[in-house]
Amino acid sequence: MEPVQLFDLASQQARWLSVRQAVIAGNVANANTAGFRPMDVEDFATVLSKTTPSMTATNARHLGGENFGSAVGLSEQDGDVPVRPSGNSVRLEDELVKAGEIRRGFELNTAIVKAFHRMILMAART
């Protein structure tokens, strides 16, 4: 029987959503900081394409696989956002929209894992 990769993928997406949530929360926290530029992370598909399958280190001399967190790239948000006289360009409306996207991502991720888990339990009972 092949190992189920869905749970690993869901775990990686949950970690990516957590990183993105922390970045967006930092943007909101620095909304009044002079000279602050809002940040965002790369989209999940880009991050996923950068990561390699994880390797297990079974010996102390083995090298472990690439850490998923190191693959997430931060970038300053460029665009037509007006810069305030203080040099700050955080728009709370945009950040709250992104926070809603993150929430929906968590909900979708959880619903998929829950449905797949129920399906595995039903298959195991029969």
C-alpha atoms as a PDB file:
ATOM      1  CA  MET A   1       0.000   0.000   0.000  1.00  0.00           C
ATOM      2  CA  GLU A   2       1.336   3.429  -0.958  1.00  0.00           C
ATOM      3  CA  PRO A   3       1.755   6.047   1.779  1.00  0.00           C
ATOM      4  CA  VAL A   4      -0.856   8.784   1.815  1.00  0.00           C
ATOM      5  CA  GLN A   5       0.755  12.063   0.724  1.00  0.00           C
ATOM      6  CA  LEU A   6      -2.359  14.168   1.340  1.00  0.00           C
ATOM      7  CA  PHE A   7      -1.695  14.510   5.050  1.00  0.00           C
ATOM      8  CA  ASP A   8       1.877  15.666   4.420  1.00  0.00           C
ATOM      9  CA  LEU A   9       0.674  18.192   1.852  1.00  0.00           C
ATOM     10  CA  ALA A  10      -2.009  19.460   4.236  1.00  0.00           C
ATOM     11  CA  SER A  11       0.599  19.801   6.977  1.00  0.00           C
ATOM     12  CA  GLN A  12       2.888  21.814   4.690  1.00  0.00           C
ATOM     13  CA  GLN A  13       0.027  24.082   3.686  1.00  0.00           C
ATOM     14  CA  ALA A  14      -0.930  24.612   7.336  1.00  0.00           C
ATOM     15  CA  ARG A  15       2.667  25.637   8.103  1.00  0.00           C
ATOM     16  CA  TRP A  16       2.660  28.008   5.112  1.00  0.00           C
ATOM     17  CA  LEU A  17      -0.630  29.514   6.268  1.00  0.00           C
ATOM     18  CA  SER A  18       0.842  29.982   9.760  1.00  0.00           C
ATOM     19  CA  VAL A  19       3.876  31.792   8.349  1.00  0.00           C
ATOM     20  CA  ARG A  20       1.652  33.988   6.186  1.00  0.00           C
ATOM     21  CA  GLN A  21      -0.619  34.743   9.140  1.00  0.00           C
ATOM     22  CA  ALA A  22       2.386  35.847  11.208  1.00  0.00           C
ATOM     23  CA  VAL A  23       3.612  38.120   8.396  1.00  0.00           C
ATOM     24  CA  ILE A  24       0.178  39.707   7.911  1.00  0.00           C
ATOM     25  CA  ALA A  25      -0.174  40.171  11.686  1.00  0.00           C
ATOM     26  CA  GLY A  26       3.198  41.934  11.659  1.00  0.00           C
ATOM     27  CA  ASN A  27       1.948  44.227   8.905  1.00  0.00           C
ATOM     28  CA  VAL A  28      -1.124  45.126  10.956  1.00  0.00           C
ATOM     29  CA  ALA A  29       0.962  45.617  14.106  1.00  0.00           C
ATOM     30  CA  ASN A  30       3.251  48.042  12.259  1.00  0.00           C
ATOM     31  CA  ALA A  31       0.467  49.980  10.554  1.00  0.00           C
ATOM     32  CA  ASN A  32       1.536  53.175  12.352  1.00  0.00           C
ATOM     33  CA  THR A  33       5.298  52.624  12.203  1.00  0.00           C
ATOM     34  CA  ALA A  34       7.113  55.248  10.171  1.00  0.00           C
ATOM     35  CA  GLY A  35       8.836  53.887   7.075  1.00  0.00           C
ATOM     36  CA  PHE A  36       7.372  50.386   7.395  1.00  0.00           C
ATOM     37  CA  ARG A  37       6.680  48.533   4.150  1.00  0.00           C
ATOM     38  CA  PRO A  38       4.143  45.688   4.221  1.00  0.00           C
ATOM     39  CA  MET A  39       5.458  42.197   3.528  1.00  0.00           C
ATOM     40  CA  ASP A  40       3.878  39.038   2.160  1.00  0.00           C
ATOM     41  CA  VAL A  41       5.040  35.491   1.482  1.00  0.00           C
ATOM     42  CA  GLU A  42       5.285  33.705  -1.839  1.00  0.00           C
ATOM     43  CA  ASP A  43       2.217  31.759  -2.880  1.00  0.00           C
ATOM     44  CA  PHE A  44       1.962  28.140  -1.759  1.00  0.00           C
ATOM     45  CA  ALA A  45       2.506  26.647  -5.225  1.00  0.00           C
ATOM     46  CA  THR A  46       5.839  28.451  -5.562  1.00  0.00           C
ATOM     47  CA  VAL A  47       6.980  27.386  -2.106  1.00  0.00           C
ATOM     48  CA  LEU A  48       5.891  23.809  -2.741  1.00  0.00           C
ATOM     49  CA  SER A  49       7.851  23.654  -5.988  1.00  0.00           C
ATOM     50  CA  LYS A  50      11.001  24.776  -4.129  1.00  0.00           C
ATOM     51  CA  THR A  51      10.822  22.113  -1.437  1.00  0.00           C
ATOM     52  CA  THR A  52      12.331  18.719  -1.979  1.00  0.00           C
ATOM     53  CA  PRO A  53      10.920  15.522  -0.534  1.00  0.00           C
ATOM     54  CA  SER A  54      12.059  15.239   3.048  1.00  0.00           C
ATOM     55  CA  MET A  55      14.761  12.749   3.894  1.00  0.00           C
ATOM     56  CA  THR A  56      14.989  10.895   7.160  1.00  0.00           C
ATOM     57  CA  ALA A  57      18.284  11.029   9.037  1.00  0.00           C
ATOM     58  CA  THR A  58      18.616   7.551  10.561  1.00  0.00           C
ATOM     59  CA  ASN A  59      22.202   8.093  11.657  1.00  0.00           C
ATOM     60  CA  ALA A  60      23.842  11.031  13.422  1.00  0.00           C
ATOM     61  CA  ARG A  61      26.193  11.441  10.443  1.00  0.00           C
ATOM     62  CA  HIS A  62      23.321  11.720   7.945  1.00  0.00           C
ATOM     63  CA  LEU A  63      22.179  15.082   6.653  1.00  0.00           C
ATOM     64  CA  GLY A  64      18.506  15.879   7.066  1.00  0.00           C
ATOM     65  CA  GLY A  65      16.263  17.181   4.318  1.00  0.00           C
ATOM     66  CA  GLU A  66      15.506  20.810   3.561  1.00  0.00           C
ATOM     67  CA  ASN A  67      13.439  22.602   6.161  1.00  0.00           C
ATOM     68  CA  PHE A  68      10.079  23.788   4.803  1.00  0.00           C
ATOM     69  CA  GLY A  69      10.269  27.087   6.656  1.00  0.00           C
ATOM     70  CA  SER A  70      13.452  28.065   4.863  1.00  0.00           C
ATOM     71  CA  ALA A  71      11.701  27.737   1.498  1.00  0.00           C
ATOM     72  CA  VAL A  72       9.144  30.442   2.280  1.00  0.00           C
ATOM     73  CA  GLY A  73      10.313  33.684   0.730  1.00  0.00           C
ATOM     74  CA  LEU A  74       9.267  37.096   2.011  1.00  0.00           C
ATOM     75  CA  SER A  75       8.882  40.021  -0.304  1.00  0.00           C
ATOM     76  CA  GLU A  76       7.886  43.626   0.073  1.00  0.00           C
ATOM     77  CA  GLN A  77       4.531  44.396  -1.438  1.00  0.00           C
ATOM     78  CA  ASP A  78       4.887  46.653  -4.411  1.00  0.00           C
ATOM     79  CA  GLY A  79       1.968  48.220  -6.119  1.00  0.00           C
ATOM     80  CA  ASP A  80      -0.090  51.330  -6.425  1.00  0.00           C
ATOM     81  CA  VAL A  81      -0.541  51.665  -2.663  1.00  0.00           C
ATOM     82  CA  PRO A  82      -0.156  55.296  -1.630  1.00  0.00           C
ATOM     83  CA  VAL A  83       2.704  55.993   0.743  1.00  0.00           C
ATOM     84  CA  ARG A  84       1.866  58.193   3.707  1.00  0.00           C
ATOM     85  CA  PRO A  85       4.085  61.138   4.638  1.00  0.00           C
ATOM     86  CA  SER A  86       5.635  58.933   7.344  1.00  0.00           C
ATOM     87  CA  GLY A  87       6.798  56.514   4.629  1.00  0.00           C
ATOM     88  CA  ASN A  88       4.347  53.814   5.718  1.00  0.00           C
ATOM     89  CA  SER A  89       2.297  52.058   3.038  1.00  0.00           C
ATOM     90  CA  VAL A  90       0.260  49.546   5.067  1.00  0.00           C
ATOM     91  CA  ARG A  91      -3.419  49.490   4.098  1.00  0.00           C
ATOM     92  CA  LEU A  92      -5.431  47.788   6.811  1.00  0.00           C
ATOM     93  CA  GLU A  93      -8.209  46.921   4.353  1.00  0.00           C
ATOM     94  CA  ASP A  94      -5.810  44.862   2.234  1.00  0.00           C
ATOM     95  CA  GLU A  95      -4.316  43.161   5.270  1.00  0.00           C
ATOM     96  CA  LEU A  96      -7.760  42.197   6.589  1.00  0.00           C
ATOM     97  CA  VAL A  97      -8.699  40.745   3.195  1.00  0.00           C
ATOM     98  CA  LYS A  98      -5.521  38.643   3.323  1.00  0.00           C
ATOM     99  CA  ALA A  99      -6.369  37.551   6.878  1.00  0.00           C
ATOM    100  CA  GLY A 100      -9.748  36.372   5.582  1.00  0.00           C
ATOM    101  CA  GLU A 101      -8.021  34.421   2.796  1.00  0.00           C
ATOM    102  CA  ILE A 102      -5.819  32.752   5.397  1.00  0.00           C
ATOM    103  CA  ARG A 103      -8.840  31.809   7.517  1.00  0.00           C
ATOM    104  CA  ARG A 104     -10.592  30.319   4.491  1.00  0.00           C
ATOM    105  CA  GLY A 105      -7.404  28.426   3.642  1.00  0.00           C
ATOM    106  CA  PHE A 106      -7.268  26.917   7.133  1.00  0.00           C
ATOM    107  CA  GLU A 107     -10.951  25.975   6.953  1.00  0.00           C
ATOM    108  CA  LEU A 108     -10.570  24.324   3.541  1.00  0.00           C
ATOM    109  CA  ASN A 109      -7.438  22.484   4.626  1.00  0.00           C
ATOM    110  CA  THR A 110      -9.161  21.203   7.761  1.00  0.00           C
ATOM    111  CA  ALA A 111     -12.288  20.132   5.866  1.00  0.00           C
ATOM    112  CA  ILE A 112     -10.273  18.166   3.297  1.00  0.00           C
ATOM    113  CA  VAL A 113      -8.226  16.368   5.951  1.00  0.00           C
ATOM    114  CA  LYS A 114     -11.362  15.640   7.975  1.00  0.00           C
ATOM    115  CA  ALA A 115     -13.172  14.157   4.957  1.00  0.00           C
ATOM    116  CA  PHE A 116     -10.159  12.077   3.952  1.00  0.00           C
ATOM    117  CA  HIS A 117      -9.750  10.848   7.538  1.00  0.00           C
ATOM    118  CA  ARG A 118     -13.413   9.768   7.634  1.00  0.00           C
ATOM    119  CA  MET A 119     -12.936   7.958   4.328  1.00  0.00           C
ATOM    120  CA  ILE A 120      -9.919   6.058   5.687  1.00  0.00           C
ATOM    121  CA  LEU A 121     -11.831   5.134   8.850  1.00  0.00           C
ATOM    122  CA  MET A 122     -14.769   3.839   6.799  1.00  0.00           C
ATOM    123  CA  ALA A 123     -12.413   1.763   4.653  1.00  0.00           C
ATOM    124  CA  ALA A 124     -10.719   0.338   7.744  1.00  0.00           C
ATOM    125  CA  ARG A 125     -14.046  -0.673   9.305  1.00  0.00           C
ATOM    126  CA  THR A 126     -15.137  -2.694   6.290  1.00  0.00           C
END
